[in-house]
Amino acid sequence: MDRRPFLASGKIVKDYAPLLTYLKLLKGEEREALMPTSEYLKEVVDRVGKGKVLGEVLSELAKELRWKIDAELAAKALREAWGVNASPEYAVDEIAREMAGWILEICEALGYLKIK
């Protein structure tokens, strides 16, 4: 299954199944709150432009996004997507990492940065 969210290239995140499942489990307003805004994308591009390595930015974004992730829903998403019983902490980390990767892929798709 090679489904990807809007503007995702798969250059950073190879399997978006957990994130897509997680987004499907969220209620509309919760999903909306997680979506990156244009201002947030510009902030991400500014970080990369200040000489930070893409991996550093990916880690920073994932840390910032963790607080927006519902641990129980994240664990449920991993069970449904991959068939694994992951700890809530691991599940939050995975969803946050996928979300951060997607944000960077969106920035590239919009021409704001180049992922090598």
C-alpha atoms as a PDB file:
ATOM      1  CA  MET A   1       0.000   0.000   0.000  1.00  0.00           C
ATOM      2  CA  ASP A   2       1.684   3.182  -1.167  1.00  0.00           C
ATOM      3  CA  ARG A   3      -0.709   5.811   0.083  1.00  0.00           C
ATOM      4  CA  ARG A   4       0.670   9.180   1.041  1.00  0.00           C
ATOM      5  CA  PRO A   5      -0.784  12.377   2.451  1.00  0.00           C
ATOM      6  CA  PHE A   6      -1.093  15.492   0.284  1.00  0.00           C
ATOM      7  CA  LEU A   7       2.258  16.719  -1.125  1.00  0.00           C
ATOM      8  CA  ALA A   8       4.214  13.827   0.408  1.00  0.00           C
ATOM      9  CA  SER A   9       7.029  12.442  -1.736  1.00  0.00           C
ATOM     10  CA  GLY A  10       8.202   9.530   0.397  1.00  0.00           C
ATOM     11  CA  LYS A  11      11.782  10.857   0.440  1.00  0.00           C
ATOM     12  CA  ILE A  12      11.838  11.051   4.237  1.00  0.00           C
ATOM     13  CA  VAL A  13       8.949   8.847   5.319  1.00  0.00           C
ATOM     14  CA  LYS A  14       8.717   5.583   3.397  1.00  0.00           C
ATOM     15  CA  ASP A  15       5.520   4.263   5.018  1.00  0.00           C
ATOM     16  CA  TYR A  16       2.806   6.741   5.896  1.00  0.00           C
ATOM     17  CA  ALA A  17       0.284   4.091   6.971  1.00  0.00           C
ATOM     18  CA  PRO A  18       0.485   4.908  10.719  1.00  0.00           C
ATOM     19  CA  LEU A  19       0.130   8.664  10.171  1.00  0.00           C
ATOM     20  CA  LEU A  20      -2.744   8.233   7.721  1.00  0.00           C
ATOM     21  CA  THR A  21      -4.472   5.874  10.150  1.00  0.00           C
ATOM     22  CA  TYR A  22      -3.880   8.303  13.015  1.00  0.00           C
ATOM     23  CA  LEU A  23      -5.323  11.211  11.039  1.00  0.00           C
ATOM     24  CA  LYS A  24      -8.366   9.098  10.189  1.00  0.00           C
ATOM     25  CA  LEU A  25      -8.910   8.358  13.902  1.00  0.00           C
ATOM     26  CA  LEU A  26      -8.831  12.041  14.890  1.00  0.00           C
ATOM     27  CA  LYS A  27     -11.934  14.166  15.095  1.00  0.00           C
ATOM     28  CA  GLY A  28     -12.147  17.056  12.622  1.00  0.00           C
ATOM     29  CA  GLU A  29     -10.979  19.830  14.954  1.00  0.00           C
ATOM     30  CA  GLU A  30      -8.145  17.695  16.346  1.00  0.00           C
ATOM     31  CA  ARG A  31      -6.999  16.852  12.821  1.00  0.00           C
ATOM     32  CA  GLU A  32      -7.207  20.509  11.835  1.00  0.00           C
ATOM     33  CA  ALA A  33      -5.062  21.540  14.832  1.00  0.00           C
ATOM     34  CA  LEU A  34      -2.325  19.130  13.720  1.00  0.00           C
ATOM     35  CA  MET A  35      -2.141  20.353  10.119  1.00  0.00           C
ATOM     36  CA  PRO A  36       0.800  22.656   9.344  1.00  0.00           C
ATOM     37  CA  THR A  37      -0.024  26.262   8.574  1.00  0.00           C
ATOM     38  CA  SER A  38       1.767  28.349   5.973  1.00  0.00           C
ATOM     39  CA  GLU A  39       3.388  30.333   8.798  1.00  0.00           C
ATOM     40  CA  TYR A  40       4.712  27.135  10.346  1.00  0.00           C
ATOM     41  CA  LEU A  41       6.099  25.979   6.988  1.00  0.00           C
ATOM     42  CA  LYS A  42       7.912  29.323   6.609  1.00  0.00           C
ATOM     43  CA  GLU A  43       9.373  28.909  10.096  1.00  0.00           C
ATOM     44  CA  VAL A  44      10.639  25.440   9.161  1.00  0.00           C
ATOM     45  CA  VAL A  45      12.250  26.793   5.993  1.00  0.00           C
ATOM     46  CA  ASP A  46      13.920  29.557   8.031  1.00  0.00           C
ATOM     47  CA  ARG A  47      15.456  26.935  10.323  1.00  0.00           C
ATOM     48  CA  VAL A  48      16.891  24.995   7.417  1.00  0.00           C
ATOM     49  CA  GLY A  49      18.145  28.248   5.911  1.00  0.00           C
ATOM     50  CA  LYS A  50      20.071  29.026   9.094  1.00  0.00           C
ATOM     51  CA  GLY A  51      22.506  26.224   8.349  1.00  0.00           C
ATOM     52  CA  LYS A  52      20.809  23.424  10.214  1.00  0.00           C
ATOM     53  CA  VAL A  53      21.076  19.941   8.794  1.00  0.00           C
ATOM     54  CA  LEU A  54      17.792  18.421   7.661  1.00  0.00           C
ATOM     55  CA  GLY A  55      18.113  15.655  10.262  1.00  0.00           C
ATOM     56  CA  GLU A  56      18.396  18.228  13.047  1.00  0.00           C
ATOM     57  CA  VAL A  57      15.283  20.014  11.837  1.00  0.00           C
ATOM     58  CA  LEU A  58      13.433  16.707  11.569  1.00  0.00           C
ATOM     59  CA  SER A  59      14.295  15.889  15.204  1.00  0.00           C
ATOM     60  CA  GLU A  60      13.307  19.356  16.414  1.00  0.00           C
ATOM     61  CA  LEU A  61       9.981  19.228  14.594  1.00  0.00           C
ATOM     62  CA  ALA A  62       9.194  15.777  15.948  1.00  0.00           C
ATOM     63  CA  LYS A  63       9.902  16.963  19.515  1.00  0.00           C
ATOM     64  CA  GLU A  64       7.641  19.987  19.015  1.00  0.00           C
ATOM     65  CA  LEU A  65       4.840  17.871  17.575  1.00  0.00           C
ATOM     66  CA  ARG A  66       4.849  15.251  20.362  1.00  0.00           C
ATOM     67  CA  TRP A  67       2.584  17.318  22.606  1.00  0.00           C
ATOM     68  CA  LYS A  68      -0.079  17.444  19.876  1.00  0.00           C
ATOM     69  CA  ILE A  69      -0.252  13.634  19.556  1.00  0.00           C
ATOM     70  CA  ASP A  70      -2.836  11.601  21.498  1.00  0.00           C
ATOM     71  CA  ALA A  71      -0.889   8.621  22.879  1.00  0.00           C
ATOM     72  CA  GLU A  72      -3.813   6.177  22.955  1.00  0.00           C
ATOM     73  CA  LEU A  73      -4.848   7.007  19.394  1.00  0.00           C
ATOM     74  CA  ALA A  74      -1.237   6.812  18.233  1.00  0.00           C
ATOM     75  CA  ALA A  75      -0.895   3.301  19.710  1.00  0.00           C
ATOM     76  CA  LYS A  76      -4.197   2.311  18.085  1.00  0.00           C
ATOM     77  CA  ALA A  77      -2.985   3.687  14.744  1.00  0.00           C
ATOM     78  CA  LEU A  78       0.188   1.573  14.905  1.00  0.00           C
ATOM     79  CA  ARG A  79      -1.878  -1.516  15.777  1.00  0.00           C
ATOM     80  CA  GLU A  80      -4.190  -0.923  12.820  1.00  0.00           C
ATOM     81  CA  ALA A  81      -1.481   0.092  10.333  1.00  0.00           C
ATOM     82  CA  TRP A  82       1.318  -2.320  11.240  1.00  0.00           C
ATOM     83  CA  GLY A  83      -0.336  -4.883  13.506  1.00  0.00           C
ATOM     84  CA  VAL A  84       2.048  -4.127  16.390  1.00  0.00           C
ATOM     85  CA  ASN A  85       1.326  -3.428  20.028  1.00  0.00           C
ATOM     86  CA  ALA A  86       3.637  -0.493  20.619  1.00  0.00           C
ATOM     87  CA  SER A  87       3.971   1.443  23.837  1.00  0.00           C
ATOM     88  CA  PRO A  88       2.133   4.774  23.810  1.00  0.00           C
ATOM     89  CA  GLU A  89       5.479   6.600  24.054  1.00  0.00           C
ATOM     90  CA  TYR A  90       6.901   4.791  21.016  1.00  0.00           C
ATOM     91  CA  ALA A  91       3.662   5.349  19.099  1.00  0.00           C
ATOM     92  CA  VAL A  92       3.748   9.091  19.818  1.00  0.00           C
ATOM     93  CA  ASP A  93       7.381   9.239  18.687  1.00  0.00           C
ATOM     94  CA  GLU A  94       6.555   7.403  15.444  1.00  0.00           C
ATOM     95  CA  ILE A  95       3.552   9.585  14.585  1.00  0.00           C
ATOM     96  CA  ALA A  96       5.498  12.762  15.441  1.00  0.00           C
ATOM     97  CA  ARG A  97       8.437  11.624  13.276  1.00  0.00           C
ATOM     98  CA  GLU A  98       6.153  10.857  10.342  1.00  0.00           C
ATOM     99  CA  MET A  99       4.387  14.191  10.757  1.00  0.00           C
ATOM    100  CA  ALA A 100       7.733  16.030  10.857  1.00  0.00           C
ATOM    101  CA  GLY A 101       8.912  14.203   7.745  1.00  0.00           C
ATOM    102  CA  TRP A 102       5.681  15.062   5.965  1.00  0.00           C
ATOM    103  CA  ILE A 103       6.121  18.740   6.841  1.00  0.00           C
ATOM    104  CA  LEU A 104       9.615  18.734   5.320  1.00  0.00           C
ATOM    105  CA  GLU A 105       8.312  16.941   2.227  1.00  0.00           C
ATOM    106  CA  ILE A 106       5.563  19.571   1.895  1.00  0.00           C
ATOM    107  CA  CYS A 107       8.215  22.300   2.042  1.00  0.00           C
ATOM    108  CA  GLU A 108      10.114  20.619  -0.789  1.00  0.00           C
ATOM    109  CA  ALA A 109       6.964  20.098  -2.885  1.00  0.00           C
ATOM    110  CA  LEU A 110       6.244  23.826  -2.558  1.00  0.00           C
ATOM    111  CA  GLY A 111       9.784  24.653  -3.680  1.00  0.00           C
ATOM    112  CA  TYR A 112      10.920  26.052  -0.326  1.00  0.00           C
ATOM    113  CA  LEU A 113      13.817  23.618   0.141  1.00  0.00           C
ATOM    114  CA  LYS A 114      15.556  20.674  -1.490  1.00  0.00           C
ATOM    115  CA  ILE A 115      15.793  17.265   0.176  1.00  0.00           C
ATOM    116  CA  LYS A 116      18.904  15.362  -0.868  1.00  0.00           C
END
